[in-house]
Amino acid sequence: MKYQITRELANEIREVIEDSVGYLCDENMVSGECVWTLIECLSQAKLAELEDDLTVSRLDKLSKKKATPATKSDRPSDW
């Protein structure tokens, strides 16, 4: 899906993010590289979530699946 925003809005978003990163780095004595790496990871996770590749409901379904022990009827007949 393609989205369009103005150059002005793109610049404003970039400035807000850069200002926030700078503030967090200064206040917490964290490297910019560390924060930008975290932002990259969070961005990838959020995009996957928005694309419905990673949703809470899907994870809940996966975590609720329980393995059941094999029974005699599940085994091949040559056992």
Protein backbone atom coordinates (compact mmCIF):
# COMPACT_ATOMS: atom_id res chain seq x y z
CA MET A 1 0.00 0.00 0.00
CA LYS A 2 1.36 3.41 -0.93
CA TYR A 3 0.94 6.51 1.17
CA GLN A 4 1.58 10.12 0.30
CA ILE A 5 2.54 12.92 2.65
CA THR A 6 3.87 16.36 1.94
CA ARG A 7 7.55 17.13 2.10
CA GLU A 8 6.81 19.59 4.89
CA LEU A 9 5.10 16.94 6.99
CA ALA A 10 7.91 14.45 6.33
CA ASN A 11 10.42 17.06 7.51
CA GLU A 12 8.37 17.81 10.62
CA ILE A 13 8.16 14.10 11.50
CA ARG A 14 11.92 13.72 11.01
CA GLU A 15 12.63 16.78 13.16
CA VAL A 16 10.38 15.55 15.98
CA ILE A 17 12.06 12.14 15.96
CA GLU A 18 15.58 13.61 15.82
CA ASP A 19 14.80 16.05 18.65
CA SER A 20 13.37 13.23 20.76
CA VAL A 21 16.39 11.02 20.13
CA GLY A 22 18.76 13.84 21.01
CA TYR A 23 16.89 14.57 24.23
CA LEU A 24 16.76 10.91 25.28
CA CYS A 25 20.45 10.43 24.54
CA ASP A 26 21.43 13.50 26.56
CA GLU A 27 19.14 12.76 29.51
CA ASN A 28 20.02 9.07 29.76
CA MET A 29 23.62 9.12 28.53
CA VAL A 30 22.79 6.61 25.79
CA SER A 31 24.51 6.56 22.42
CA GLY A 32 22.62 7.76 19.38
CA GLU A 33 23.55 4.54 17.60
CA CYS A 34 21.83 2.52 20.32
CA VAL A 35 18.63 4.58 20.17
CA TRP A 36 18.52 4.61 16.37
CA THR A 37 19.00 0.83 16.33
CA LEU A 38 16.13 0.47 18.78
CA ILE A 39 13.97 2.72 16.59
CA GLU A 40 14.81 0.56 13.58
CA CYS A 41 13.74 -2.61 15.44
CA LEU A 42 10.57 -0.99 16.73
CA SER A 43 9.74 0.28 13.24
CA GLN A 44 10.10 -3.18 11.73
CA ALA A 45 7.92 -4.71 14.43
CA LYS A 46 5.25 -2.03 14.05
CA LEU A 47 5.19 -2.41 10.25
CA ALA A 48 4.81 -6.18 10.62
CA GLU A 49 1.96 -5.60 13.08
CA LEU A 50 0.28 -3.15 10.72
CA GLU A 51 0.62 -5.65 7.87
CA ASP A 52 -1.10 -8.22 10.11
CA ASP A 53 2.00 -10.42 10.18
CA LEU A 54 2.28 -10.09 13.93
CA THR A 55 -0.85 -9.55 15.94
CA VAL A 56 -1.72 -10.22 19.52
CA SER A 57 -4.60 -12.46 18.51
CA ARG A 58 -2.34 -14.55 16.27
CA LEU A 59 0.24 -14.88 19.02
CA ASP A 60 -2.49 -15.81 21.49
CA LYS A 61 -3.71 -18.55 19.17
CA LEU A 62 -0.19 -19.91 18.77
CA SER A 63 0.47 -19.88 22.50
CA LYS A 64 -2.83 -21.65 23.26
CA LYS A 65 -2.08 -24.59 20.98
CA LYS A 66 -1.14 -27.52 23.13
CA ALA A 67 0.77 -30.55 22.03
CA THR A 68 -1.10 -33.76 22.60
CA PRO A 69 0.65 -37.05 23.14
CA ALA A 70 0.50 -39.55 20.33
CA THR A 71 -2.00 -42.36 20.75
CA LYS A 72 -1.95 -45.84 19.28
CA SER A 73 -4.32 -44.69 16.54
CA ASP A 74 -1.86 -41.94 15.53
CA ARG A 75 0.94 -44.44 14.96
CA PRO A 76 1.64 -46.08 11.66
CA SER A 77 0.23 -49.59 11.35
CA ASP A 78 3.70 -51.15 10.98
CA TRP A 79 4.65 -50.30 14.60
